[in-house]
Structure formats: C-alpha cells, structure tokens
Amino acid sequence: MPTTDKTREILAAALKVFARYGFKKTTMEDVAAEAGMTKSNIYFYVAGKRELYEHAIRNALIQWRDSVAEAISEKEDAVEKFRVMASMSFEYLSHQQDLRSILIMDPGIFTLSHAEDRFYEINQGAMLLIKDILLQGISEGRFYEVDVEHTTEFLFSIYIMFLIKTYVKSEGSSTFRMYEEGTALILRGLCRKDT
C-alpha cells in the first residue's frame, strides 16, 4: 500500500475502529465511516479487511520505530542514544491507546520467534537501531567489544518480553520500574569503567 496522506488517514481510522471493536466485529463500513468515505473507496486501497488490518498495524509500528529513530538521531553520544532508545521505545506505547488495545486483542503481534513474526522487516529495522548504537559505542571505546549480532538479538528479546509483560499481560507499573532498572544494569555491564 503506497503511503500518501489519504492512505495514512485510512490506516489511522482503521486502527481506531479495530481497537474499538476488534478484528472480528469491525466491518469495512465502520472503517469507511470513521475515515469519512465510502466502503467502495476503501476497496480502492485494499483488497479486504484482513489486508487493511495488517496495513494499519504495520503503519502504527513503523510510526513507533521512526519516532524512536528520530529521537536517537538528536543525540551524539552512544550511551545517551542507548538510554533514549530504551526509554522512548518502551514508553511510546503508553501514549498509544488504540495500538495498546489491539495488542491486547492480538498478542501475536509481539513474538520472540522470527518464524512467527508477521512484522519481521519492521522489527529488523528496530533491531538495526540497537545494532548501530552498539557499533558506535564499541568504535568510540564507550562499550566493551561484544558480538553485536547476538547482543542485538538478546537486547531486543528482553525489550519484547517487557512489552508483553507491561502492555499485553497488563502486569502494571512495577514492570516500568523493572525495565528502567534492567536498562541501567545493562549499561553498567556494557560500559567501560572510564565511561
């Protein structure tokens, strides 16, 4: 689906409606009404409800990833980039009620298995953010030499686990504190003593 202002409007409307009614109960008429267009106009952009659903989620996940990437790009220091990435990528979802609702109804959106990951390429982009920060930190002597590929996978897996605990399983605010402490622990273990 090409990204235009109109498609972004449709995808935002679809996300809102899917969050409100769930996939099964949502109709294309509901989405069309929310978008201020006819059902036949929606079919000009997508073949059906399942495709619209997947595109709406994909769009929301890309916005999430891109907002984190933008925040990281404003920092120079690798340690600060890591801190911003860890906090913003985790807290972002706390401000996205529609996406949170969909995640609760469709917990398979987050998975620790590449084979089951419907949004693999988006998550690869998110993992690239981690990898780039690690590479920068190592090249600047701020981080220990680590196997970047495996460390990236490890850190991303921890992140996904905390997203599931916090937003899908709704284990409460204590997971926010646990995540913050875990991030601090990772940085203390990752940074050289002279950092």
Protein backbone atom coordinates (compact mmCIF):
# COMPACT_ATOMS: atom_id res chain seq x y z
CA MET A 1 0.00 0.00 0.00
CA PRO A 2 1.67 3.25 -1.10
CA THR A 3 1.98 5.85 1.63
CA THR A 4 0.01 9.01 0.88
CA ASP A 5 -1.92 11.41 3.09
CA LYS A 6 -5.11 9.57 2.17
CA THR A 7 -3.74 6.13 2.99
CA ARG A 8 -2.43 7.45 6.32
CA GLU A 9 -5.93 8.77 7.10
CA ILE A 10 -7.49 5.42 6.20
CA LEU A 11 -4.95 3.47 8.27
CA ALA A 12 -5.41 5.76 11.28
CA ALA A 13 -9.19 5.37 11.02
CA ALA A 14 -8.83 1.60 10.66
CA LEU A 15 -6.57 1.36 13.70
CA LYS A 16 -9.10 3.30 15.77
CA VAL A 17 -12.01 1.12 14.65
CA PHE A 18 -10.14 -2.18 15.07
CA ALA A 19 -9.11 -1.02 18.56
CA ARG A 20 -12.73 -0.22 19.40
CA TYR A 21 -14.44 -3.36 18.03
CA GLY A 22 -11.71 -5.92 17.45
CA PHE A 23 -10.96 -7.59 14.14
CA LYS A 24 -13.98 -9.91 14.02
CA LYS A 25 -16.63 -7.28 14.81
CA THR A 26 -15.17 -4.50 12.68
CA THR A 27 -16.76 -4.04 9.28
CA MET A 28 -15.42 -2.20 6.28
CA GLU A 29 -18.45 0.10 6.65
CA ASP A 30 -17.23 1.02 10.15
CA VAL A 31 -13.79 1.94 8.83
CA ALA A 32 -15.24 3.85 5.88
CA ALA A 33 -17.49 5.86 8.21
CA GLU A 34 -14.56 6.67 10.52
CA ALA A 35 -12.47 7.72 7.51
CA GLY A 36 -15.31 9.80 6.06
CA MET A 37 -15.52 7.85 2.83
CA THR A 38 -17.49 5.04 1.23
CA LYS A 39 -16.76 1.35 1.57
CA SER A 40 -16.04 1.12 -2.17
CA ASN A 41 -13.39 3.85 -1.78
CA ILE A 42 -11.66 1.76 0.91
CA TYR A 43 -11.55 -1.18 -1.51
CA PHE A 44 -9.66 1.03 -3.92
CA TYR A 45 -6.76 0.89 -1.42
CA VAL A 46 -7.02 -2.66 -0.01
CA ALA A 47 -8.47 -5.99 -1.09
CA GLY A 48 -10.23 -6.73 2.18
CA LYS A 49 -10.50 -6.41 5.92
CA ARG A 50 -7.51 -8.64 6.77
CA GLU A 51 -5.22 -6.66 4.48
CA LEU A 52 -6.48 -3.39 5.96
CA TYR A 53 -5.90 -4.70 9.48
CA GLU A 54 -2.33 -5.79 8.76
CA HIS A 55 -1.55 -2.50 7.00
CA ALA A 56 -2.98 -0.47 9.89
CA ILE A 57 -0.81 -2.33 12.40
CA ARG A 58 2.23 -2.15 10.13
CA ASN A 59 1.76 1.62 9.77
CA ALA A 60 1.45 2.07 13.56
CA LEU A 61 4.59 0.00 14.17
CA ILE A 62 6.54 1.99 11.57
CA GLN A 63 5.47 5.26 13.20
CA TRP A 64 6.66 3.87 16.54
CA ARG A 65 10.03 2.80 15.14
CA ASP A 66 10.50 6.05 13.23
CA SER A 67 9.71 8.23 16.25
CA VAL A 68 12.36 6.39 18.25
CA ALA A 69 14.86 6.70 15.38
CA GLU A 70 14.21 10.44 15.20
CA ALA A 71 14.78 10.86 18.95
CA ILE A 72 18.02 8.87 18.73
CA SER A 73 19.26 10.96 15.80
CA GLU A 74 19.16 14.05 18.02
CA LYS A 75 21.85 12.57 20.31
CA GLU A 76 25.57 12.25 19.60
CA ASP A 77 26.77 10.06 22.47
CA ALA A 78 26.24 6.29 22.15
CA VAL A 79 25.33 5.87 25.82
CA GLU A 80 22.78 8.66 25.61
CA LYS A 81 21.41 7.18 22.37
CA PHE A 82 21.01 3.84 24.15
CA ARG A 83 19.18 5.45 27.08
CA VAL A 84 16.86 7.43 24.80
CA MET A 85 16.17 4.37 22.65
CA ALA A 86 15.42 2.19 25.67
CA SER A 87 13.12 4.66 27.42
CA MET A 88 11.31 6.10 24.41
CA SER A 89 10.70 2.79 22.65
CA PHE A 90 9.20 1.38 25.85
CA GLU A 91 7.16 4.42 26.90
CA TYR A 92 5.82 5.17 23.41
CA LEU A 93 3.09 2.57 23.75
CA SER A 94 1.81 4.14 26.98
CA HIS A 95 0.57 7.06 24.85
CA GLN A 96 -0.98 4.93 22.09
CA GLN A 97 -4.32 3.65 23.41
CA ASP A 98 -5.54 2.28 20.08
CA LEU A 99 -2.40 0.26 19.41
CA ARG A 100 -2.37 -0.99 23.02
CA SER A 101 -5.96 -2.18 22.68
CA ILE A 102 -5.15 -4.06 19.51
CA LEU A 103 -2.08 -5.67 21.11
CA ILE A 104 -4.22 -6.96 23.96
CA MET A 105 -6.70 -8.47 21.49
CA ASP A 106 -3.95 -9.77 19.17
CA PRO A 107 -0.93 -10.64 21.35
CA GLY A 108 0.65 -12.49 18.42
CA ILE A 109 1.80 -9.10 17.10
CA PHE A 110 4.70 -9.42 19.55
CA THR A 111 6.63 -12.65 19.35
CA LEU A 112 10.08 -13.84 20.27
CA SER A 113 10.15 -16.18 17.26
CA HIS A 114 11.34 -14.88 13.88
CA ALA A 115 9.31 -17.59 12.16
CA GLU A 116 6.09 -16.31 13.75
CA ASP A 117 6.85 -12.60 13.35
CA ARG A 118 4.28 -11.07 10.98
CA PHE A 119 6.15 -7.76 11.11
CA TYR A 120 9.66 -9.13 10.77
CA GLU A 121 11.00 -6.42 8.46
CA ILE A 122 9.79 -3.64 10.78
CA ASN A 123 11.34 -5.35 13.77
CA GLN A 124 14.56 -5.80 11.80
CA GLY A 125 14.59 -2.02 11.37
CA ALA A 126 14.15 -1.61 15.13
CA MET A 127 16.98 -4.05 15.75
CA LEU A 128 19.17 -2.09 13.37
CA LEU A 129 18.79 0.90 15.70
CA ILE A 130 20.20 -1.20 18.55
CA LYS A 131 22.97 -2.58 16.36
CA ASP A 132 24.04 0.87 15.15
CA ILE A 133 24.24 2.17 18.72
CA LEU A 134 26.30 -0.84 19.80
CA LEU A 135 28.67 -0.41 16.86
CA GLN A 136 29.07 3.30 17.60
CA GLY A 137 29.70 2.65 21.29
CA ILE A 138 32.29 -0.03 20.52
CA SER A 139 34.09 2.08 17.90
CA GLU A 140 34.25 5.02 20.32
CA GLY A 141 35.54 2.83 23.14
CA ARG A 142 32.42 3.50 25.24
CA PHE A 143 31.17 -0.11 25.13
CA TYR A 144 33.03 -3.37 25.53
CA GLU A 145 33.71 -5.42 22.42
CA VAL A 146 30.69 -7.72 22.09
CA ASP A 147 29.23 -9.97 19.44
CA VAL A 148 26.96 -7.27 18.03
CA GLU A 149 24.53 -9.60 16.23
CA HIS A 150 23.86 -11.79 19.26
CA THR A 151 23.81 -8.86 21.70
CA THR A 152 21.28 -7.07 19.48
CA GLU A 153 19.04 -10.16 19.44
CA PHE A 154 19.41 -10.52 23.21
CA LEU A 155 18.51 -6.89 23.93
CA PHE A 156 15.58 -6.92 21.51
CA SER A 157 14.24 -10.12 23.10
CA ILE A 158 14.36 -8.53 26.55
CA TYR A 159 12.57 -5.49 25.18
CA ILE A 160 9.81 -7.59 23.58
CA MET A 161 9.40 -9.57 26.80
CA PHE A 162 8.87 -6.35 28.76
CA LEU A 163 6.41 -5.02 26.19
CA ILE A 164 4.39 -8.22 26.54
CA LYS A 165 4.53 -8.12 30.36
CA THR A 166 3.56 -4.47 30.53
CA TYR A 167 1.11 -3.88 27.71
CA VAL A 168 -0.31 -7.27 26.74
CA LYS A 169 -0.38 -9.04 30.11
CA SER A 170 -1.01 -5.72 31.93
CA GLU A 171 1.27 -6.51 34.84
CA GLY A 172 1.25 -2.88 35.92
CA SER A 173 3.59 -0.07 36.69
CA SER A 174 6.10 -2.26 38.52
CA THR A 175 7.28 -3.53 35.14
CA PHE A 176 8.17 0.05 34.16
CA ARG A 177 10.48 0.24 37.17
CA MET A 178 11.89 -3.22 36.43
CA TYR A 179 12.57 -2.16 32.83
CA GLU A 180 14.35 1.02 33.99
CA GLU A 181 16.47 -0.97 36.43
CA GLY A 182 17.25 -3.55 33.75
CA THR A 183 18.32 -0.82 31.32
CA ALA A 184 20.61 0.69 33.97
CA LEU A 185 22.04 -2.74 34.72
CA ILE A 186 22.73 -3.42 31.05
CA LEU A 187 24.51 -0.09 30.67
CA ARG A 188 26.61 -0.62 33.80
CA GLY A 189 27.64 -4.00 32.47
CA LEU A 190 28.13 -2.74 28.93
CA CYS A 191 30.06 0.45 29.60
CA ARG A 192 33.76 0.58 30.33
CA LYS A 193 34.68 1.76 33.83
CA ASP A 194 36.11 5.04 32.47
CA THR A 195 32.76 5.99 30.88
